[in-house]
């Protein structure tokens, strides 16, 4: 299901969660936005509405091949990079 396929409104009840209040997210929304346990959501009040945005992890934005290349470079030049940092 794509993000735009979510058109049906769903109502959820606010519940007590320790000292906080919480609302469960409908499965259709977690599926559409690929929200998993441990993900961070950002809340913003705008024009009298609550906007919820899934925080994008930097790891999800970096090409795996590039990340591997950077890791190898950092390992290979660890001493030089450490000396530059300590200057």
C-alpha atoms as a PDB file:
ATOM      1  CA  UNK A   1       0.000   0.000   0.000  1.00  0.00           C
ATOM      2  CA  UNK A   2       1.460   3.360  -0.971  1.00  0.00           C
ATOM      3  CA  UNK A   3       1.424   6.491   1.163  1.00  0.00           C
ATOM      4  CA  UNK A   4      -1.354   8.034  -0.936  1.00  0.00           C
ATOM      5  CA  UNK A   5      -3.468   4.864  -0.679  1.00  0.00           C
ATOM      6  CA  UNK A   6      -4.282   5.766   2.966  1.00  0.00           C
ATOM      7  CA  UNK A   7      -7.446   7.777   2.592  1.00  0.00           C
ATOM      8  CA  UNK A   8      -9.705   6.188   5.201  1.00  0.00           C
ATOM      9  CA  UNK A   9      -9.851   7.989   8.545  1.00  0.00           C
ATOM     10  CA  UNK A  10      -9.257   5.921  11.656  1.00  0.00           C
ATOM     11  CA  UNK A  11      -9.992   6.876  15.244  1.00  0.00           C
ATOM     12  CA  UNK A  12      -7.758   5.802  18.099  1.00  0.00           C
ATOM     13  CA  UNK A  13      -8.310   6.256  21.819  1.00  0.00           C
ATOM     14  CA  UNK A  14      -5.628   8.003  23.892  1.00  0.00           C
ATOM     15  CA  UNK A  15      -4.353   5.708  26.652  1.00  0.00           C
ATOM     16  CA  UNK A  16      -2.149   6.086  29.712  1.00  0.00           C
ATOM     17  CA  UNK A  17       1.424   4.829  29.200  1.00  0.00           C
ATOM     18  CA  UNK A  18       3.297   5.303  32.462  1.00  0.00           C
ATOM     19  CA  UNK A  19       3.451   9.055  33.091  1.00  0.00           C
ATOM     20  CA  UNK A  20       2.672   9.822  29.444  1.00  0.00           C
ATOM     21  CA  UNK A  21      -0.269   9.500  27.108  1.00  0.00           C
ATOM     22  CA  UNK A  22      -0.053   7.368  23.996  1.00  0.00           C
ATOM     23  CA  UNK A  23      -1.889   6.464  20.816  1.00  0.00           C
ATOM     24  CA  UNK A  24      -1.349   3.293  18.803  1.00  0.00           C
ATOM     25  CA  UNK A  25      -0.586   3.786  15.124  1.00  0.00           C
ATOM     26  CA  UNK A  26      -2.835   1.931  12.665  1.00  0.00           C
ATOM     27  CA  UNK A  27      -1.096  -0.879  10.765  1.00  0.00           C
ATOM     28  CA  UNK A  28      -1.973   0.753   7.441  1.00  0.00           C
ATOM     29  CA  UNK A  29       0.050   3.820   8.476  1.00  0.00           C
ATOM     30  CA  UNK A  30       3.024   1.858   9.839  1.00  0.00           C
ATOM     31  CA  UNK A  31       3.094  -0.186   6.638  1.00  0.00           C
ATOM     32  CA  UNK A  32       2.723   2.836   4.323  1.00  0.00           C
ATOM     33  CA  UNK A  33       5.545   4.738   6.039  1.00  0.00           C
ATOM     34  CA  UNK A  34       7.641   1.679   6.934  1.00  0.00           C
ATOM     35  CA  UNK A  35       7.553   2.603  10.637  1.00  0.00           C
ATOM     36  CA  UNK A  36       9.277   0.044  12.824  1.00  0.00           C
ATOM     37  CA  UNK A  37       9.833  -0.318  16.563  1.00  0.00           C
ATOM     38  CA  UNK A  38      12.615   2.038  17.638  1.00  0.00           C
ATOM     39  CA  UNK A  39      12.036   4.555  14.821  1.00  0.00           C
ATOM     40  CA  UNK A  40      11.793   8.191  15.885  1.00  0.00           C
ATOM     41  CA  UNK A  41       8.752  10.318  15.070  1.00  0.00           C
ATOM     42  CA  UNK A  42       8.847  14.122  15.147  1.00  0.00           C
ATOM     43  CA  UNK A  43       5.754  16.005  16.348  1.00  0.00           C
ATOM     44  CA  UNK A  44       4.986  19.570  15.246  1.00  0.00           C
ATOM     45  CA  UNK A  45       1.927  21.723  15.840  1.00  0.00           C
ATOM     46  CA  UNK A  46       1.066  23.686  12.705  1.00  0.00           C
ATOM     47  CA  UNK A  47      -2.138  25.593  11.948  1.00  0.00           C
ATOM     48  CA  UNK A  48      -3.962  23.863  14.806  1.00  0.00           C
ATOM     49  CA  UNK A  49      -3.015  20.378  13.580  1.00  0.00           C
ATOM     50  CA  UNK A  50      -0.478  17.860  14.864  1.00  0.00           C
ATOM     51  CA  UNK A  51       1.986  16.930  12.134  1.00  0.00           C
ATOM     52  CA  UNK A  52       3.895  13.658  12.614  1.00  0.00           C
ATOM     53  CA  UNK A  53       6.998  13.002  10.526  1.00  0.00           C
ATOM     54  CA  UNK A  54       9.159   9.897  10.565  1.00  0.00           C
ATOM     55  CA  UNK A  55      12.723  10.966  11.278  1.00  0.00           C
ATOM     56  CA  UNK A  56      14.982   9.690   8.516  1.00  0.00           C
ATOM     57  CA  UNK A  57      18.067   7.837   9.721  1.00  0.00           C
ATOM     58  CA  UNK A  58      21.282   8.918   8.049  1.00  0.00           C
ATOM     59  CA  UNK A  59      22.079   5.244   7.422  1.00  0.00           C
ATOM     60  CA  UNK A  60      19.013   4.994   5.183  1.00  0.00           C
ATOM     61  CA  UNK A  61      20.255   7.896   3.051  1.00  0.00           C
ATOM     62  CA  UNK A  62      23.775   6.584   2.418  1.00  0.00           C
ATOM     63  CA  UNK A  63      24.519   4.107  -0.324  1.00  0.00           C
ATOM     64  CA  UNK A  64      25.763   0.829   1.239  1.00  0.00           C
ATOM     65  CA  UNK A  65      28.710   0.657  -1.186  1.00  0.00           C
ATOM     66  CA  UNK A  66      29.771   4.197  -0.303  1.00  0.00           C
ATOM     67  CA  UNK A  67      29.492   3.440   3.424  1.00  0.00           C
ATOM     68  CA  UNK A  68      31.721   0.382   2.979  1.00  0.00           C
ATOM     69  CA  UNK A  69      34.257   2.458   1.036  1.00  0.00           C
ATOM     70  CA  UNK A  70      34.312   5.134   3.772  1.00  0.00           C
ATOM     71  CA  UNK A  71      34.735   2.492   6.479  1.00  0.00           C
ATOM     72  CA  UNK A  72      37.724   1.009   4.664  1.00  0.00           C
ATOM     73  CA  UNK A  73      39.235   4.469   4.133  1.00  0.00           C
ATOM     74  CA  UNK A  74      38.840   5.410   7.807  1.00  0.00           C
ATOM     75  CA  UNK A  75      40.375   2.111   8.914  1.00  0.00           C
ATOM     76  CA  UNK A  76      43.281   2.445   6.481  1.00  0.00           C
ATOM     77  CA  UNK A  77      44.057   6.063   7.439  1.00  0.00           C
ATOM     78  CA  UNK A  78      43.060   5.938  11.109  1.00  0.00           C
ATOM     79  CA  UNK A  79      46.352   7.333  12.460  1.00  0.00           C
ATOM     80  CA  UNK A  80      46.463  10.261  10.016  1.00  0.00           C
ATOM     81  CA  UNK A  81      42.844  11.182  10.726  1.00  0.00           C
ATOM     82  CA  UNK A  82      43.446  10.938  14.495  1.00  0.00           C
ATOM     83  CA  UNK A  83      46.435  13.299  14.257  1.00  0.00           C
ATOM     84  CA  UNK A  84      44.375  15.771  12.221  1.00  0.00           C
ATOM     85  CA  UNK A  85      41.617  15.674  14.837  1.00  0.00           C
ATOM     86  CA  UNK A  86      44.087  16.223  17.690  1.00  0.00           C
ATOM     87  CA  UNK A  87      45.751  19.288  16.064  1.00  0.00           C
END
